[in-house]
Full PDB file with SEQRES, HELIX, SHEET, SSBOND, CRYST1, ORIGX, SCALE, CONECT and MASTER records, all heavy atoms in Angstrom:
SEQRES   1 A   34  TRP GLU ARG PRO ASP GLU GLU ARG LYS PRO SER PRO PHE          
SEQRES   2 A   34  PRO ILE LEU LYS ILE MET GLU LYS TYR CYS LEU LYS SER          
SEQRES   3 A   34  GLU GLU ILE LEU ILE VAL ASP ASP                              
HELIX    1 AA1 ASP A    5  GLU A    7  5                                   3    
HELIX    2 AA2 PHE A   13  TYR A   22  1                                  10    
HELIX    3 AA3 SER A   26  GLU A   28  5                                   3    
CRYST1    1.000    1.000    1.000  90.00  90.00  90.00 P 1           1          
ORIGX1      1.000000  0.000000  0.000000        0.00000                         
ORIGX2      0.000000  1.000000  0.000000        0.00000                         
ORIGX3      0.000000  0.000000  1.000000        0.00000                         
SCALE1      1.000000  0.000000  0.000000        0.00000                         
SCALE2      0.000000  1.000000  0.000000        0.00000                         
SCALE3      0.000000  0.000000  1.000000        0.00000                         
ATOM      1  N   TRP A   1       1.186  50.918 -78.593  1.00  0.00           N  
ATOM      2  CA  TRP A   1       0.352  50.850 -79.809  1.00  0.00           C  
ATOM      3  C   TRP A   1       0.927  50.328 -81.035  1.00  0.00           C  
ATOM      4  O   TRP A   1       0.358  50.194 -82.093  1.00  0.00           O  
ATOM      5  CB  TRP A   1      -0.180  52.313 -79.972  1.00  0.00           C  
ATOM      6  CG  TRP A   1      -1.189  52.773 -78.993  1.00  0.00           C  
ATOM      7  CD1 TRP A   1      -0.905  53.609 -77.896  1.00  0.00           C  
ATOM      8  CD2 TRP A   1      -2.527  52.300 -78.847  1.00  0.00           C  
ATOM      9  NE1 TRP A   1      -2.030  53.643 -77.140  1.00  0.00           N  
ATOM     10  CE2 TRP A   1      -2.987  52.756 -77.647  1.00  0.00           C  
ATOM     11  CE3 TRP A   1      -3.369  51.315 -79.440  1.00  0.00           C  
ATOM     12  CZ2 TRP A   1      -4.400  52.563 -77.241  1.00  0.00           C  
ATOM     13  CZ3 TRP A   1      -4.524  51.008 -79.137  1.00  0.00           C  
ATOM     14  CH2 TRP A   1      -5.110  51.691 -77.987  1.00  0.00           C  
ATOM     15  N   GLU A   2       2.357  50.150 -80.878  1.00  0.00           N  
ATOM     16  CA  GLU A   2       2.933  49.404 -82.103  1.00  0.00           C  
ATOM     17  C   GLU A   2       2.685  47.906 -82.106  1.00  0.00           C  
ATOM     18  O   GLU A   2       2.901  47.285 -83.170  1.00  0.00           O  
ATOM     19  CB  GLU A   2       4.488  49.667 -81.916  1.00  0.00           C  
ATOM     20  CG  GLU A   2       5.183  48.866 -80.932  1.00  0.00           C  
ATOM     21  CD  GLU A   2       5.013  49.408 -79.463  1.00  0.00           C  
ATOM     22  OE1 GLU A   2       4.497  50.559 -79.353  1.00  0.00           O  
ATOM     23  OE2 GLU A   2       5.412  48.759 -78.588  1.00  0.00           O  
ATOM     24  N   ARG A   3       2.052  47.510 -81.064  1.00  0.00           N  
ATOM     25  CA  ARG A   3       1.613  45.967 -81.112  1.00  0.00           C  
ATOM     26  C   ARG A   3       0.315  45.789 -81.841  1.00  0.00           C  
ATOM     27  O   ARG A   3      -0.493  46.738 -81.997  1.00  0.00           O  
ATOM     28  CB  ARG A   3       1.500  45.530 -79.646  1.00  0.00           C  
ATOM     29  CG  ARG A   3       2.588  45.851 -78.576  1.00  0.00           C  
ATOM     30  CD  ARG A   3       3.824  44.885 -78.784  1.00  0.00           C  
ATOM     31  NE  ARG A   3       3.528  43.570 -78.377  1.00  0.00           N  
ATOM     32  CZ  ARG A   3       4.259  42.750 -77.801  1.00  0.00           C  
ATOM     33  NH1 ARG A   3       5.484  43.234 -77.346  1.00  0.00           N  
ATOM     34  NH2 ARG A   3       3.916  41.592 -77.484  1.00  0.00           N  
ATOM     35  N   PRO A   4       0.136  44.565 -82.231  1.00  0.00           N  
ATOM     36  CA  PRO A   4      -1.134  44.228 -82.894  1.00  0.00           C  
ATOM     37  C   PRO A   4      -2.327  44.436 -81.937  1.00  0.00           C  
ATOM     38  O   PRO A   4      -2.089  44.411 -80.670  1.00  0.00           O  
ATOM     39  CB  PRO A   4      -1.043  42.728 -83.164  1.00  0.00           C  
ATOM     40  CG  PRO A   4       0.345  42.251 -83.113  1.00  0.00           C  
ATOM     41  CD  PRO A   4       1.146  43.281 -82.116  1.00  0.00           C  
ATOM     42  N   ASP A   5      -3.504  44.706 -82.470  1.00  0.00           N  
ATOM     43  CA  ASP A   5      -4.685  45.133 -81.662  1.00  0.00           C  
ATOM     44  C   ASP A   5      -4.915  44.001 -80.542  1.00  0.00           C  
ATOM     45  O   ASP A   5      -5.257  44.404 -79.353  1.00  0.00           O  
ATOM     46  CB  ASP A   5      -5.991  45.086 -82.454  1.00  0.00           C  
ATOM     47  CG  ASP A   5      -6.013  46.286 -83.438  1.00  0.00           C  
ATOM     48  OD1 ASP A   5      -5.049  47.146 -83.222  1.00  0.00           O  
ATOM     49  OD2 ASP A   5      -6.859  46.235 -84.288  1.00  0.00           O  
ATOM     50  N   GLU A   6      -4.791  42.698 -80.773  1.00  0.00           N  
ATOM     51  CA  GLU A   6      -5.118  41.726 -79.807  1.00  0.00           C  
ATOM     52  C   GLU A   6      -3.954  41.658 -78.592  1.00  0.00           C  
ATOM     53  O   GLU A   6      -4.146  40.998 -77.673  1.00  0.00           O  
ATOM     54  CB  GLU A   6      -5.258  40.391 -80.474  1.00  0.00           C  
ATOM     55  CG  GLU A   6      -4.007  39.892 -81.072  1.00  0.00           C  
ATOM     56  CD  GLU A   6      -3.762  40.247 -82.516  1.00  0.00           C  
ATOM     57  OE1 GLU A   6      -4.573  41.121 -83.004  1.00  0.00           O  
ATOM     58  OE2 GLU A   6      -2.758  39.819 -83.257  1.00  0.00           O  
ATOM     59  N   GLU A   7      -2.922  42.426 -78.808  1.00  0.00           N  
ATOM     60  CA  GLU A   7      -1.845  42.392 -77.797  1.00  0.00           C  
ATOM     61  C   GLU A   7      -1.789  43.746 -77.002  1.00  0.00           C  
ATOM     62  O   GLU A   7      -0.744  43.977 -76.285  1.00  0.00           O  
ATOM     63  CB  GLU A   7      -0.537  42.131 -78.449  1.00  0.00           C  
ATOM     64  CG  GLU A   7      -0.352  40.732 -78.970  1.00  0.00           C  
ATOM     65  CD  GLU A   7       1.031  40.413 -79.563  1.00  0.00           C  
ATOM     66  OE1 GLU A   7       1.872  41.276 -79.346  1.00  0.00           O  
ATOM     67  OE2 GLU A   7       1.090  39.364 -80.114  1.00  0.00           O  
ATOM     68  N   ARG A   8      -2.807  44.512 -77.087  1.00  0.00           N  
ATOM     69  CA  ARG A   8      -2.646  45.835 -76.425  1.00  0.00           C  
ATOM     70  C   ARG A   8      -4.023  46.124 -75.767  1.00  0.00           C  
ATOM     71  O   ARG A   8      -5.073  45.533 -76.044  1.00  0.00           O  
ATOM     72  CB  ARG A   8      -2.237  47.039 -77.296  1.00  0.00           C  
ATOM     73  CG  ARG A   8      -3.241  47.295 -78.439  1.00  0.00           C  
ATOM     74  CD  ARG A   8      -2.661  48.370 -79.327  1.00  0.00           C  
ATOM     75  NE  ARG A   8      -3.670  48.823 -80.360  1.00  0.00           N  
ATOM     76  CZ  ARG A   8      -3.281  48.976 -81.608  1.00  0.00           C  
ATOM     77  NH1 ARG A   8      -2.154  48.720 -82.063  1.00  0.00           N  
ATOM     78  NH2 ARG A   8      -4.386  49.254 -82.432  1.00  0.00           N  
ATOM     79  N   LYS A   9      -4.101  47.001 -74.776  1.00  0.00           N  
ATOM     80  CA  LYS A   9      -5.357  47.253 -73.967  1.00  0.00           C  
ATOM     81  C   LYS A   9      -6.417  47.635 -74.973  1.00  0.00           C  
ATOM     82  O   LYS A   9      -6.200  48.322 -75.944  1.00  0.00           O  
ATOM     83  CB  LYS A   9      -5.064  48.313 -72.940  1.00  0.00           C  
ATOM     84  CG  LYS A   9      -4.827  49.760 -73.381  1.00  0.00           C  
ATOM     85  CD  LYS A   9      -4.520  50.553 -72.182  1.00  0.00           C  
ATOM     86  CE  LYS A   9      -3.987  51.949 -72.689  1.00  0.00           C  
ATOM     87  NZ  LYS A   9      -3.839  52.913 -71.637  1.00  0.00           N  
ATOM     88  N   PRO A  10      -7.684  47.292 -74.595  1.00  0.00           N  
ATOM     89  CA  PRO A  10      -8.122  46.611 -73.395  1.00  0.00           C  
ATOM     90  C   PRO A  10      -7.920  45.107 -73.285  1.00  0.00           C  
ATOM     91  O   PRO A  10      -8.516  44.403 -72.442  1.00  0.00           O  
ATOM     92  CB  PRO A  10      -9.645  46.943 -73.361  1.00  0.00           C  
ATOM     93  CG  PRO A  10     -10.070  47.045 -74.721  1.00  0.00           C  
ATOM     94  CD  PRO A  10      -8.845  47.502 -75.570  1.00  0.00           C  
ATOM     95  N   SER A  11      -7.211  44.544 -74.209  1.00  0.00           N  
ATOM     96  CA  SER A  11      -6.981  43.045 -74.187  1.00  0.00           C  
ATOM     97  C   SER A  11      -6.264  42.725 -72.920  1.00  0.00           C  
ATOM     98  O   SER A  11      -5.388  43.417 -72.483  1.00  0.00           O  
ATOM     99  CB  SER A  11      -6.199  42.609 -75.466  1.00  0.00           C  
ATOM    100  OG  SER A  11      -5.673  41.385 -75.272  1.00  0.00           O  
ATOM    101  N   PRO A  12      -6.473  41.488 -72.212  1.00  0.00           N  
ATOM    102  CA  PRO A  12      -5.744  41.198 -71.133  1.00  0.00           C  
ATOM    103  C   PRO A  12      -4.366  40.637 -71.527  1.00  0.00           C  
ATOM    104  O   PRO A  12      -3.634  40.367 -70.578  1.00  0.00           O  
ATOM    105  CB  PRO A  12      -6.643  40.077 -70.528  1.00  0.00           C  
ATOM    106  CG  PRO A  12      -7.487  39.474 -71.708  1.00  0.00           C  
ATOM    107  CD  PRO A  12      -7.670  40.636 -72.640  1.00  0.00           C  
ATOM    108  N   PHE A  13      -4.026  40.557 -72.817  1.00  0.00           N  
ATOM    109  CA  PHE A  13      -2.771  39.991 -73.183  1.00  0.00           C  
ATOM    110  C   PHE A  13      -1.470  40.558 -72.421  1.00  0.00           C  
ATOM    111  O   PHE A  13      -0.690  39.781 -71.947  1.00  0.00           O  
ATOM    112  CB  PHE A  13      -2.607  40.150 -74.710  1.00  0.00           C  
ATOM    113  CG  PHE A  13      -1.311  39.683 -75.179  1.00  0.00           C  
ATOM    114  CD1 PHE A  13      -1.098  38.292 -75.530  1.00  0.00           C  
ATOM    115  CD2 PHE A  13      -0.190  40.449 -75.311  1.00  0.00           C  
ATOM    116  CE1 PHE A  13       0.043  37.843 -76.042  1.00  0.00           C  
ATOM    117  CE2 PHE A  13       1.009  39.973 -75.859  1.00  0.00           C  
ATOM    118  CZ  PHE A  13       1.155  38.593 -76.162  1.00  0.00           C  
ATOM    119  N   PRO A  14      -1.308  41.886 -72.408  1.00  0.00           N  
ATOM    120  CA  PRO A  14      -0.090  42.264 -71.655  1.00  0.00           C  
ATOM    121  C   PRO A  14      -0.008  41.950 -70.207  1.00  0.00           C  
ATOM    122  O   PRO A  14       1.055  41.585 -69.764  1.00  0.00           O  
ATOM    123  CB  PRO A  14      -0.295  43.864 -71.729  1.00  0.00           C  
ATOM    124  CG  PRO A  14      -1.250  44.161 -72.833  1.00  0.00           C  
ATOM    125  CD  PRO A  14      -2.178  42.982 -72.958  1.00  0.00           C  
ATOM    126  N   ILE A  15      -1.181  42.042 -69.441  1.00  0.00           N  
ATOM    127  CA  ILE A  15      -1.189  41.448 -68.105  1.00  0.00           C  
ATOM    128  C   ILE A  15      -0.760  40.031 -67.960  1.00  0.00           C  
ATOM    129  O   ILE A  15      -0.055  39.635 -67.071  1.00  0.00           O  
ATOM    130  CB  ILE A  15      -2.430  41.843 -67.338  1.00  0.00           C  
ATOM    131  CG1 ILE A  15      -2.655  43.293 -67.307  1.00  0.00           C  
ATOM    132  CG2 ILE A  15      -2.482  41.311 -65.885  1.00  0.00           C  
ATOM    133  CD1 ILE A  15      -3.981  43.857 -66.773  1.00  0.00           C  
ATOM    134  N   LEU A  16      -1.390  39.206 -68.808  1.00  0.00           N  
ATOM    135  CA  LEU A  16      -1.380  37.891 -68.696  1.00  0.00           C  
ATOM    136  C   LEU A  16       0.201  37.480 -69.088  1.00  0.00           C  
ATOM    137  O   LEU A  16       0.781  36.612 -68.454  1.00  0.00           O  
ATOM    138  CB  LEU A  16      -2.333  37.141 -69.697  1.00  0.00           C  
ATOM    139  CG  LEU A  16      -3.778  37.284 -69.289  1.00  0.00           C  
ATOM    140  CD1 LEU A  16      -4.594  36.677 -70.465  1.00  0.00           C  
ATOM    141  CD2 LEU A  16      -3.996  36.653 -67.935  1.00  0.00           C  
ATOM    142  N   LYS A  17       0.755  38.095 -70.105  1.00  0.00           N  
ATOM    143  CA  LYS A  17       2.163  37.884 -70.432  1.00  0.00           C  
ATOM    144  C   LYS A  17       3.113  38.197 -69.236  1.00  0.00           C  
ATOM    145  O   LYS A  17       4.156  37.536 -68.986  1.00  0.00           O  
ATOM    146  CB  LYS A  17       2.452  38.635 -71.677  1.00  0.00           C  
ATOM    147  CG  LYS A  17       1.984  38.001 -72.911  1.00  0.00           C  
ATOM    148  CD  LYS A  17       2.286  36.437 -72.915  1.00  0.00           C  
ATOM    149  CE  LYS A  17       2.792  35.968 -74.267  1.00  0.00           C  
ATOM    150  NZ  LYS A  17       3.075  34.505 -74.243  1.00  0.00           N  
ATOM    151  N   ILE A  18       2.823  39.378 -68.673  1.00  0.00           N  
ATOM    152  CA  ILE A  18       3.677  39.837 -67.438  1.00  0.00           C  
ATOM    153  C   ILE A  18       3.504  38.867 -66.261  1.00  0.00           C  
ATOM    154  O   ILE A  18       4.613  38.496 -65.738  1.00  0.00           O  
ATOM    155  CB  ILE A  18       3.289  41.276 -67.256  1.00  0.00           C  
ATOM    156  CG1 ILE A  18       3.836  42.203 -68.286  1.00  0.00           C  
ATOM    157  CG2 ILE A  18       3.826  41.729 -65.820  1.00  0.00           C  
ATOM    158  CD1 ILE A  18       3.447  43.688 -68.183  1.00  0.00           C  
ATOM    159  N   MET A  19       2.305  38.523 -65.971  1.00  0.00           N  
ATOM    160  CA  MET A  19       2.088  37.450 -64.927  1.00  0.00           C  
ATOM    161  C   MET A  19       2.922  36.173 -65.260  1.00  0.00           C  
ATOM    162  O   MET A  19       3.527  35.672 -64.322  1.00  0.00           O  
ATOM    163  CB  MET A  19       0.623  37.201 -64.798  1.00  0.00           C  
ATOM    164  CG  MET A  19      -0.162  38.299 -64.262  1.00  0.00           C  
ATOM    165  SD  MET A  19      -2.059  38.060 -64.294  1.00  0.00           S  
ATOM    166  CE  MET A  19      -2.067  36.913 -62.921  1.00  0.00           C  
ATOM    167  N   GLU A  20       2.809  35.813 -66.348  1.00  0.00           N  
ATOM    168  CA  GLU A  20       3.568  34.535 -66.751  1.00  0.00           C  
ATOM    169  C   GLU A  20       5.000  34.722 -66.734  1.00  0.00           C  
ATOM    170  O   GLU A  20       5.739  33.902 -66.202  1.00  0.00           O  
ATOM    171  CB  GLU A  20       3.196  34.119 -68.284  1.00  0.00           C  
ATOM    172  CG  GLU A  20       3.862  32.880 -68.844  1.00  0.00           C  
ATOM    173  CD  GLU A  20       3.476  32.610 -70.196  1.00  0.00           C  
ATOM    174  OE1 GLU A  20       2.250  32.947 -70.507  1.00  0.00           O  
ATOM    175  OE2 GLU A  20       4.347  31.986 -70.912  1.00  0.00           O  
ATOM    176  N   LYS A  21       5.608  35.730 -67.367  1.00  0.00           N  
ATOM    177  CA  LYS A  21       7.018  35.963 -67.391  1.00  0.00           C  
ATOM    178  C   LYS A  21       7.639  36.215 -65.948  1.00  0.00           C  
ATOM    179  O   LYS A  21       8.699  35.696 -65.772  1.00  0.00           O  
ATOM    180  CB  LYS A  21       7.301  37.190 -68.251  1.00  0.00           C  
ATOM    181  CG  LYS A  21       8.794  37.474 -68.365  1.00  0.00           C  
ATOM    182  CD  LYS A  21       9.136  38.558 -69.351  1.00  0.00           C  
ATOM    183  CE  LYS A  21      10.584  38.818 -69.504  1.00  0.00           C  
ATOM    184  NZ  LYS A  21      10.889  39.851 -70.424  1.00  0.00           N  
ATOM    185  N   TYR A  22       6.929  36.950 -65.046  1.00  0.00           N  
ATOM    186  CA  TYR A  22       7.476  37.157 -63.766  1.00  0.00           C  
ATOM    187  C   TYR A  22       6.868  36.308 -62.608  1.00  0.00           C  
ATOM    188  O   TYR A  22       7.191  36.595 -61.597  1.00  0.00           O  
ATOM    189  CB  TYR A  22       7.243  38.632 -63.543  1.00  0.00           C  
ATOM    190  CG  TYR A  22       8.018  39.490 -64.492  1.00  0.00           C  
ATOM    191  CD1 TYR A  22       7.491  40.160 -65.534  1.00  0.00           C  
ATOM    192  CD2 TYR A  22       9.509  39.697 -64.331  1.00  0.00           C  
ATOM    193  CE1 TYR A  22       8.219  40.913 -66.458  1.00  0.00           C  
ATOM    194  CE2 TYR A  22      10.153  40.490 -65.264  1.00  0.00           C  
ATOM    195  CZ  TYR A  22       9.481  41.062 -66.347  1.00  0.00           C  
ATOM    196  OH  TYR A  22      10.241  41.815 -67.193  1.00  0.00           O  
ATOM    197  N   CYS A  23       6.055  35.335 -63.032  1.00  0.00           N  
ATOM    198  CA  CYS A  23       5.475  34.441 -62.137  1.00  0.00           C  
ATOM    199  C   CYS A  23       4.630  35.170 -61.020  1.00  0.00           C  
ATOM    200  O   CYS A  23       4.891  34.947 -59.892  1.00  0.00           O  
ATOM    201  CB  CYS A  23       6.445  33.526 -61.384  1.00  0.00           C  
ATOM    202  SG  CYS A  23       7.328  32.435 -62.644  1.00  0.00           S  
ATOM    203  N   LEU A  24       3.813  36.115 -61.411  1.00  0.00           N  
ATOM    204  CA  LEU A  24       3.028  36.997 -60.565  1.00  0.00           C  
ATOM    205  C   LEU A  24       1.573  36.537 -60.490  1.00  0.00           C  
ATOM    206  O   LEU A  24       1.135  35.989 -61.405  1.00  0.00           O  
ATOM    207  CB  LEU A  24       3.059  38.452 -61.038  1.00  0.00           C  
ATOM    208  CG  LEU A  24       4.441  39.150 -60.993  1.00  0.00           C  
ATOM    209  CD1 LEU A  24       4.270  40.426 -61.827  1.00  0.00           C  
ATOM    210  CD2 LEU A  24       4.920  39.298 -59.634  1.00  0.00           C  
ATOM    211  N   LYS A  25       1.016  36.736 -59.312  1.00  0.00           N  
ATOM    212  CA  LYS A  25      -0.415  36.382 -59.014  1.00  0.00           C  
ATOM    213  C   LYS A  25      -1.170  37.684 -59.185  1.00  0.00           C  
ATOM    214  O   LYS A  25      -0.521  38.830 -59.055  1.00  0.00           O  
ATOM    215  CB  LYS A  25      -0.502  35.866 -57.634  1.00  0.00           C  
ATOM    216  CG  LYS A  25       0.132  34.567 -57.470  1.00  0.00           C  
ATOM    217  CD  LYS A  25      -0.032  34.159 -55.997  1.00  0.00           C  
ATOM    218  CE  LYS A  25       0.830  32.837 -55.673  1.00  0.00           C  
ATOM    219  NZ  LYS A  25       0.904  32.613 -54.199  1.00  0.00           N  
ATOM    220  N   SER A  26      -2.426  37.514 -59.588  1.00  0.00           N  
ATOM    221  CA  SER A  26      -3.198  38.842 -59.717  1.00  0.00           C  
ATOM    222  C   SER A  26      -3.121  39.731 -58.621  1.00  0.00           C  
ATOM    223  O   SER A  26      -3.227  40.943 -58.723  1.00  0.00           O  
ATOM    224  CB  SER A  26      -4.718  38.371 -60.036  1.00  0.00           C  
ATOM    225  OG  SER A  26      -5.256  37.716 -59.026  1.00  0.00           O  
ATOM    226  N   GLU A  27      -3.123  39.271 -57.398  1.00  0.00           N  
ATOM    227  CA  GLU A  27      -3.076  40.170 -56.163  1.00  0.00           C  
ATOM    228  C   GLU A  27      -1.696  40.859 -56.021  1.00  0.00           C  
ATOM    229  O   GLU A  27      -1.645  41.701 -55.175  1.00  0.00           O  
ATOM    230  CB  GLU A  27      -3.366  39.374 -54.856  1.00  0.00           C  
ATOM    231  CG  GLU A  27      -2.601  38.299 -54.544  1.00  0.00           C  
ATOM    232  CD  GLU A  27      -3.061  36.891 -55.149  1.00  0.00           C  
ATOM    233  OE1 GLU A  27      -3.865  36.812 -56.034  1.00  0.00           O  
ATOM    234  OE2 GLU A  27      -2.495  35.891 -54.671  1.00  0.00           O  
ATOM    235  N   GLU A  28      -0.731  40.499 -56.881  1.00  0.00           N  
ATOM    236  CA  GLU A  28       0.613  41.116 -56.770  1.00  0.00           C  
ATOM    237  C   GLU A  28       0.762  42.323 -57.821  1.00  0.00           C  
ATOM    238  O   GLU A  28       1.936  42.773 -57.885  1.00  0.00           O  
ATOM    239  CB  GLU A  28       1.655  40.202 -57.013  1.00  0.00           C  
ATOM    240  CG  GLU A  28       1.665  38.972 -55.979  1.00  0.00           C  
ATOM    241  CD  GLU A  28       2.687  37.972 -56.186  1.00  0.00           C  
ATOM    242  OE1 GLU A  28       2.606  37.325 -57.249  1.00  0.00           O  
ATOM    243  OE2 GLU A  28       3.502  37.728 -55.228  1.00  0.00           O  
ATOM    244  N   ILE A  29      -0.351  42.610 -58.544  1.00  0.00           N  
ATOM    245  CA  ILE A  29      -0.219  43.620 -59.624  1.00  0.00           C  
ATOM    246  C   ILE A  29      -1.157  44.665 -59.353  1.00  0.00           C  
ATOM    247  O   ILE A  29      -2.283  44.501 -58.942  1.00  0.00           O  
ATOM    248  CB  ILE A  29      -0.595  42.732 -60.981  1.00  0.00           C  
ATOM    249  CG1 ILE A  29       0.314  41.645 -61.276  1.00  0.00           C  
ATOM    250  CG2 ILE A  29      -0.768  43.812 -62.112  1.00  0.00           C  
ATOM    251  CD1 ILE A  29       0.007  40.839 -62.456  1.00  0.00           C  
ATOM    252  N   LEU A  30      -0.713  45.825 -59.836  1.00  0.00           N  
ATOM    253  CA  LEU A  30      -1.532  47.093 -59.785  1.00  0.00           C  
ATOM    254  C   LEU A  30      -1.335  47.752 -61.137  1.00  0.00           C  
ATOM    255  O   LEU A  30      -0.247  48.039 -61.547  1.00  0.00           O  
ATOM    256  CB  LEU A  30      -1.007  48.027 -58.596  1.00  0.00           C  
ATOM    257  CG  LEU A  30      -1.788  49.404 -58.617  1.00  0.00           C  
ATOM    258  CD1 LEU A  30      -3.233  49.215 -58.241  1.00  0.00           C  
ATOM    259  CD2 LEU A  30      -1.067  50.344 -57.733  1.00  0.00           C  
ATOM    260  N   ILE A  31      -2.416  47.904 -61.793  1.00  0.00           N  
ATOM    261  CA  ILE A  31      -2.392  48.719 -63.067  1.00  0.00           C  
ATOM    262  C   ILE A  31      -2.679  50.076 -62.789  1.00  0.00           C  
ATOM    263  O   ILE A  31      -3.710  50.480 -62.085  1.00  0.00           O  
ATOM    264  CB  ILE A  31      -3.444  48.179 -64.008  1.00  0.00           C  
ATOM    265  CG1 ILE A  31      -3.196  46.591 -64.348  1.00  0.00           C  
ATOM    266  CG2 ILE A  31      -3.553  48.905 -65.347  1.00  0.00           C  
ATOM    267  CD1 ILE A  31      -1.818  46.291 -64.966  1.00  0.00           C  
ATOM    268  N   VAL A  32      -1.948  51.038 -63.244  1.00  0.00           N  
ATOM    269  CA  VAL A  32      -2.166  52.502 -63.100  1.00  0.00           C  
ATOM    270  C   VAL A  32      -2.287  53.086 -64.555  1.00  0.00           C  
ATOM    271  O   VAL A  32      -1.562  52.854 -65.482  1.00  0.00           O  
ATOM    272  CB  VAL A  32      -0.897  53.202 -62.534  1.00  0.00           C  
ATOM    273  CG1 VAL A  32      -1.148  54.763 -62.440  1.00  0.00           C  
ATOM    274  CG2 VAL A  32      -0.578  52.577 -61.113  1.00  0.00           C  
ATOM    275  N   ASP A  33      -3.513  53.675 -64.785  1.00  0.00           N  
ATOM    276  CA  ASP A  33      -3.897  54.063 -66.175  1.00  0.00           C  
ATOM    277  C   ASP A  33      -4.813  55.336 -65.994  1.00  0.00           C  
ATOM    278  O   ASP A  33      -5.434  55.505 -64.974  1.00  0.00           O  
ATOM    279  CB  ASP A  33      -4.444  52.991 -66.970  1.00  0.00           C  
ATOM    280  CG  ASP A  33      -4.374  53.168 -68.465  1.00  0.00           C  
ATOM    281  OD1 ASP A  33      -4.401  54.346 -68.933  1.00  0.00           O  
ATOM    282  OD2 ASP A  33      -4.271  52.224 -69.131  1.00  0.00           O  
ATOM    283  N   ASP A  34      -4.968  56.121 -67.123  1.00  0.00           N  
ATOM    284  CA  ASP A  34      -5.759  57.267 -67.021  1.00  0.00           C  
ATOM    285  C   ASP A  34      -7.059  57.124 -67.838  1.00  0.00           C  
ATOM    286  O   ASP A  34      -7.891  58.002 -67.758  1.00  0.00           O  
ATOM    287  CB  ASP A  34      -4.997  58.515 -67.516  1.00  0.00           C  
ATOM    288  CG  ASP A  34      -4.607  58.353 -68.926  1.00  0.00           C  
ATOM    289  OD1 ASP A  34      -4.450  57.362 -69.457  1.00  0.00           O  
ATOM    290  OD2 ASP A  34      -4.309  59.441 -69.503  1.00  0.00           O  
TER     291      ASP A  34                                                      
MASTER        0    0    0    3    0    0    0    6  290    1    0    3          
END                                                                             
């Protein structure tokens, strides 16, 4: 929550950045949230 609004959920920004940084495909990711 210390990030700007556009960089935190429900924005796709965190997932897209992680996918880019670690060269991951969508099928290689699992989001766990409450």
